[in-house]
Amino acid sequence: MILCADMAFKLRFALSAWLLLATCEAGRHMPKLSDKKLCADSECSHPILIARALQDYYPGDCRFIPIRQGQLVYVYAMLKDRGNLFWAGTAQDSYYGEQEARIGHFPSSVVEETHVLMPASTEVKTTKWDFYCN
């Protein structure tokens, strides 16, 4: 009887661990959205432009960032290859520290450019780390 209960516990534990790992996106490489991106410099360390969110955007996976209507978004890269559909940047609230500063991707159609800061004239190859979920 004890052996059977022990096996049932181990089976439930293994099944729970498998379900947790199967549904967790954190800490893994996701498919690349593009092979190239346009940036202000070769490290993509300077913002290209500031944009304002036209609408709320709720991401489908961890490569993307959530954006609320009216938020300012600092854009650091514009992905190429797919008609410039996705940009990479960080969304800021009106109060600094209200939202975790995290760079991620979002559709360019959910924002409007407000201020151009630097030209996006440097073409950079994307790496698997550009689409890593952490």
Protein backbone atom coordinates (compact mmCIF):
# COMPACT_ATOMS: atom_id res chain seq x y z
CA MET A 1 0.00 0.00 0.00
CA ILE A 2 2.82 2.45 0.87
CA LEU A 3 4.64 1.55 -2.34
CA CYS A 4 1.55 2.31 -4.42
CA ALA A 5 1.02 5.70 -2.69
CA ASP A 6 4.69 6.56 -3.20
CA MET A 7 4.46 5.75 -6.92
CA ALA A 8 1.28 7.84 -7.25
CA PHE A 9 3.02 10.79 -5.57
CA LYS A 10 6.04 10.49 -7.89
CA LEU A 11 3.77 10.26 -10.92
CA ARG A 12 1.80 13.38 -9.88
CA PHE A 13 5.06 15.24 -9.19
CA ALA A 14 6.56 14.29 -12.57
CA LEU A 15 3.35 15.26 -14.39
CA SER A 16 3.20 18.61 -12.57
CA ALA A 17 6.85 19.37 -13.39
CA TRP A 18 6.33 18.46 -17.06
CA LEU A 19 3.25 20.72 -17.31
CA LEU A 20 5.13 23.59 -15.69
CA LEU A 21 8.08 23.26 -18.06
CA ALA A 22 5.86 22.83 -21.11
CA THR A 23 3.94 26.05 -20.45
CA CYS A 24 6.89 28.20 -19.32
CA GLU A 25 8.45 30.44 -21.98
CA ALA A 26 10.99 32.07 -19.67
CA GLY A 27 14.63 31.28 -20.21
CA ARG A 28 14.40 29.96 -23.74
CA HIS A 29 15.08 31.03 -27.28
CA MET A 30 12.01 31.87 -29.34
CA PRO A 31 11.78 31.92 -33.15
CA LYS A 32 13.47 34.89 -34.79
CA LEU A 33 11.16 37.59 -36.09
CA SER A 34 13.79 38.90 -38.51
CA ASP A 35 17.39 38.38 -39.59
CA LYS A 36 18.25 42.10 -39.64
CA LYS A 37 17.39 45.28 -37.79
CA LEU A 38 18.02 48.99 -38.27
CA CYS A 39 19.58 50.86 -35.37
CA ALA A 40 21.29 54.16 -34.61
CA ASP A 41 24.60 52.39 -33.88
CA SER A 42 26.11 48.93 -34.18
CA GLU A 43 25.14 47.99 -30.59
CA CYS A 44 21.58 49.38 -30.87
CA SER A 45 22.28 51.24 -27.62
CA HIS A 46 20.85 54.65 -28.57
CA PRO A 47 17.14 55.29 -29.05
CA ILE A 48 16.10 56.07 -32.61
CA LEU A 49 12.85 57.79 -31.81
CA ILE A 50 10.15 58.40 -29.24
CA ALA A 51 6.64 57.23 -30.08
CA ARG A 52 3.28 57.43 -28.32
CA ALA A 53 1.00 54.40 -28.08
CA LEU A 54 -2.22 54.78 -30.04
CA GLN A 55 -3.86 51.80 -28.38
CA ASP A 56 -3.32 49.09 -25.80
CA TYR A 57 -1.22 46.15 -26.90
CA TYR A 58 -1.21 42.84 -25.04
CA PRO A 59 1.68 40.60 -26.11
CA GLY A 60 1.23 37.04 -27.30
CA ASP A 61 4.53 35.80 -25.89
CA CYS A 62 7.57 36.91 -23.92
CA ARG A 63 9.42 38.45 -26.88
CA PHE A 64 6.94 41.33 -26.82
CA ILE A 65 6.19 44.07 -24.29
CA PRO A 66 2.78 45.26 -23.14
CA ILE A 67 1.90 48.82 -24.09
CA ARG A 68 -0.95 50.98 -22.81
CA GLN A 69 -2.58 53.71 -24.85
CA GLY A 70 -0.82 57.04 -24.30
CA GLN A 71 2.47 55.57 -23.06
CA LEU A 72 5.75 56.85 -24.45
CA VAL A 73 7.83 54.20 -26.16
CA TYR A 74 11.56 54.60 -26.77
CA VAL A 75 12.42 52.74 -29.99
CA TYR A 76 15.91 51.22 -30.24
CA ALA A 77 15.57 49.02 -33.33
CA MET A 78 13.34 48.49 -36.33
CA LEU A 79 13.24 44.93 -37.61
CA LYS A 80 13.74 44.51 -41.35
CA ASP A 81 12.76 41.63 -43.66
CA ARG A 82 9.04 41.75 -42.86
CA GLY A 83 8.05 45.20 -44.00
CA ASN A 84 9.12 46.89 -40.77
CA LEU A 85 6.16 45.34 -38.92
CA PHE A 86 7.93 45.08 -35.56
CA TRP A 87 10.07 47.48 -33.59
CA ALA A 88 12.05 46.93 -30.38
CA GLY A 89 11.96 49.35 -27.50
CA THR A 90 10.81 50.08 -23.99
CA ALA A 91 7.52 51.56 -22.79
CA GLN A 92 7.63 54.25 -20.08
CA ASP A 93 4.96 55.42 -17.69
CA SER A 94 4.51 59.01 -16.65
CA TYR A 95 5.96 58.15 -13.24
CA TYR A 96 9.48 56.69 -13.44
CA GLY A 97 9.68 53.28 -11.84
CA GLU A 98 5.97 52.56 -12.15
CA GLN A 99 6.68 49.90 -14.78
CA GLU A 100 9.64 47.59 -15.09
CA ALA A 101 11.95 48.88 -17.81
CA ARG A 102 12.26 46.01 -20.25
CA ILE A 103 13.16 46.08 -23.92
CA GLY A 104 10.93 43.99 -26.12
CA HIS A 105 9.20 43.95 -29.45
CA PHE A 106 5.83 45.40 -30.44
CA PRO A 107 3.95 46.03 -33.68
CA SER A 108 4.91 49.37 -35.23
CA SER A 109 1.22 49.93 -36.04
CA VAL A 110 0.27 50.48 -32.36
CA VAL A 111 2.41 53.63 -32.01
CA GLU A 112 2.92 56.96 -33.75
CA GLU A 113 6.29 58.66 -34.02
CA THR A 114 6.52 61.87 -31.98
CA HIS A 115 10.25 62.74 -31.98
CA VAL A 116 13.05 61.42 -34.17
CA LEU A 117 16.22 61.27 -32.07
CA MET A 118 18.79 59.63 -34.37
CA PRO A 119 18.66 58.15 -37.86
CA ALA A 120 18.17 54.38 -38.08
CA SER A 121 20.99 54.03 -40.58
CA THR A 122 23.01 51.10 -39.22
CA GLU A 123 21.96 47.63 -40.36
CA VAL A 124 22.71 44.97 -37.74
CA LYS A 125 22.19 41.21 -37.92
CA THR A 126 19.87 39.86 -35.26
CA THR A 127 21.01 37.04 -33.02
CA LYS A 128 19.16 34.42 -31.00
CA TRP A 129 19.58 36.74 -27.99
CA ASP A 130 17.37 39.37 -29.63
CA PHE A 131 14.44 36.98 -29.18
CA TYR A 132 15.41 35.32 -25.91
CA CYS A 133 12.68 35.15 -23.30
CA ASN A 134 13.81 35.92 -19.80
